[in-house]
Amino acid sequence: MTQDEQPTVKDRVEQVLELLRPSIQADGGDVELVEITDDGVVRVRFQGACIGCPSSSMTLKAGIERNLRQYVPEVTLVEAVD
């Protein structure tokens, strides 16, 4: 496999988000990938019931960030944007 055939950081981040999405959607919300900065910061936007939910910060850190950092080592931080 050549380097051109390797999944990009964005591809791998989107794959992890797709795995997490059913759990988030089960509570009436969703998450959208906004951008990935050159220094590994992933910015996501919550949608639906996640907007304004007091548990969304726990979902962000304990769920999304933990999984992304585990499976995509290039990720340094995950933050929510409006």
C-alpha atoms as a PDB file:
ATOM      1  CA  MET A   1       0.000   0.000   0.000  1.00  0.00           C
ATOM      2  CA  THR A   2       1.419   3.341  -0.976  1.00  0.00           C
ATOM      3  CA  GLN A   3       1.203   6.466   1.129  1.00  0.00           C
ATOM      4  CA  ASP A   4      -1.432   7.843  -1.266  1.00  0.00           C
ATOM      5  CA  GLU A   5      -3.703   4.925  -0.352  1.00  0.00           C
ATOM      6  CA  GLN A   6      -3.452   5.511   3.410  1.00  0.00           C
ATOM      7  CA  PRO A   7      -6.562   7.027   4.992  1.00  0.00           C
ATOM      8  CA  THR A   8      -6.078  10.684   5.846  1.00  0.00           C
ATOM      9  CA  VAL A   9      -6.434  12.052   9.365  1.00  0.00           C
ATOM     10  CA  LYS A  10      -9.809  13.478   8.301  1.00  0.00           C
ATOM     11  CA  ASP A  11     -10.921  10.069   6.988  1.00  0.00           C
ATOM     12  CA  ARG A  12      -9.955   8.381  10.251  1.00  0.00           C
ATOM     13  CA  VAL A  13     -11.645  11.091  12.367  1.00  0.00           C
ATOM     14  CA  GLU A  14     -14.828  10.716  10.321  1.00  0.00           C
ATOM     15  CA  GLN A  15     -14.712   6.927  10.746  1.00  0.00           C
ATOM     16  CA  VAL A  16     -14.540   7.261  14.543  1.00  0.00           C
ATOM     17  CA  LEU A  17     -17.348   9.839  14.560  1.00  0.00           C
ATOM     18  CA  GLU A  18     -19.490   7.455  12.490  1.00  0.00           C
ATOM     19  CA  LEU A  19     -18.969   4.751  15.128  1.00  0.00           C
ATOM     20  CA  LEU A  20     -19.993   7.162  17.918  1.00  0.00           C
ATOM     21  CA  ARG A  21     -22.892   8.757  16.032  1.00  0.00           C
ATOM     22  CA  PRO A  22     -25.569   6.083  16.824  1.00  0.00           C
ATOM     23  CA  SER A  23     -25.109   6.629  20.571  1.00  0.00           C
ATOM     24  CA  ILE A  24     -25.379  10.386  20.179  1.00  0.00           C
ATOM     25  CA  GLN A  25     -28.392  10.101  17.880  1.00  0.00           C
ATOM     26  CA  ALA A  26     -30.108   7.759  20.347  1.00  0.00           C
ATOM     27  CA  ASP A  27     -30.363  10.759  22.683  1.00  0.00           C
ATOM     28  CA  GLY A  28     -31.745  13.012  19.945  1.00  0.00           C
ATOM     29  CA  GLY A  29     -28.499  14.740  18.999  1.00  0.00           C
ATOM     30  CA  ASP A  30     -25.754  14.557  16.426  1.00  0.00           C
ATOM     31  CA  VAL A  31     -22.222  15.779  15.848  1.00  0.00           C
ATOM     32  CA  GLU A  32     -20.686  17.365  12.759  1.00  0.00           C
ATOM     33  CA  LEU A  33     -16.980  17.597  11.937  1.00  0.00           C
ATOM     34  CA  VAL A  34     -16.183  21.273  11.304  1.00  0.00           C
ATOM     35  CA  GLU A  35     -12.408  21.214  10.842  1.00  0.00           C
ATOM     36  CA  ILE A  36      -9.108  19.698  11.852  1.00  0.00           C
ATOM     37  CA  THR A  37      -6.307  22.199  12.394  1.00  0.00           C
ATOM     38  CA  ASP A  38      -2.693  21.584  11.434  1.00  0.00           C
ATOM     39  CA  ASP A  39      -1.813  21.095  15.111  1.00  0.00           C
ATOM     40  CA  GLY A  40      -4.375  18.303  15.588  1.00  0.00           C
ATOM     41  CA  VAL A  41      -7.305  20.209  17.091  1.00  0.00           C
ATOM     42  CA  VAL A  42     -10.608  18.703  15.985  1.00  0.00           C
ATOM     43  CA  ARG A  43     -13.545  21.110  15.993  1.00  0.00           C
ATOM     44  CA  VAL A  44     -17.044  19.665  16.059  1.00  0.00           C
ATOM     45  CA  ARG A  45     -20.511  21.166  16.145  1.00  0.00           C
ATOM     46  CA  PHE A  46     -23.266  19.565  18.184  1.00  0.00           C
ATOM     47  CA  GLN A  47     -26.721  19.388  16.667  1.00  0.00           C
ATOM     48  CA  GLY A  48     -30.236  18.587  17.812  1.00  0.00           C
ATOM     49  CA  ALA A  49     -30.731  17.766  21.476  1.00  0.00           C
ATOM     50  CA  CYS A  50     -26.991  18.165  22.131  1.00  0.00           C
ATOM     51  CA  ILE A  51     -27.250  21.940  21.749  1.00  0.00           C
ATOM     52  CA  GLY A  52     -27.374  23.353  25.249  1.00  0.00           C
ATOM     53  CA  CYS A  53     -27.451  19.921  26.894  1.00  0.00           C
ATOM     54  CA  PRO A  54     -25.539  19.890  30.194  1.00  0.00           C
ATOM     55  CA  SER A  55     -24.112  16.446  29.330  1.00  0.00           C
ATOM     56  CA  SER A  56     -22.638  17.571  26.006  1.00  0.00           C
ATOM     57  CA  SER A  57     -19.318  18.589  27.601  1.00  0.00           C
ATOM     58  CA  MET A  58     -19.002  15.105  29.117  1.00  0.00           C
ATOM     59  CA  THR A  59     -19.912  13.554  25.748  1.00  0.00           C
ATOM     60  CA  LEU A  60     -17.248  15.724  24.128  1.00  0.00           C
ATOM     61  CA  LYS A  61     -14.401  14.874  26.533  1.00  0.00           C
ATOM     62  CA  ALA A  62     -15.206  11.374  27.803  1.00  0.00           C
ATOM     63  CA  GLY A  63     -16.667  10.060  24.569  1.00  0.00           C
ATOM     64  CA  ILE A  64     -15.566  11.882  21.461  1.00  0.00           C
ATOM     65  CA  GLU A  65     -12.137  13.162  22.509  1.00  0.00           C
ATOM     66  CA  ARG A  66     -11.111   9.969  24.300  1.00  0.00           C
ATOM     67  CA  ASN A  67     -11.993   7.814  21.286  1.00  0.00           C
ATOM     68  CA  LEU A  68     -10.460  10.145  18.723  1.00  0.00           C
ATOM     69  CA  ARG A  69      -7.185  10.414  20.637  1.00  0.00           C
ATOM     70  CA  GLN A  70      -7.087   6.635  21.056  1.00  0.00           C
ATOM     71  CA  TYR A  71      -7.698   5.781  17.393  1.00  0.00           C
ATOM     72  CA  VAL A  72      -6.220   8.843  15.675  1.00  0.00           C
ATOM     73  CA  PRO A  73      -2.954   9.700  17.468  1.00  0.00           C
ATOM     74  CA  GLU A  74      -2.582  12.947  15.521  1.00  0.00           C
ATOM     75  CA  VAL A  75      -5.570  14.395  17.416  1.00  0.00           C
ATOM     76  CA  THR A  76      -4.390  16.600  20.289  1.00  0.00           C
ATOM     77  CA  LEU A  77      -7.668  18.188  21.411  1.00  0.00           C
ATOM     78  CA  VAL A  78     -11.365  18.179  20.573  1.00  0.00           C
ATOM     79  CA  GLU A  79     -13.480  21.283  21.039  1.00  0.00           C
ATOM     80  CA  ALA A  80     -17.070  22.207  20.278  1.00  0.00           C
ATOM     81  CA  VAL A  81     -17.891  25.286  18.219  1.00  0.00           C
ATOM     82  CA  ASP A  82     -21.193  27.037  17.565  1.00  0.00           C
END
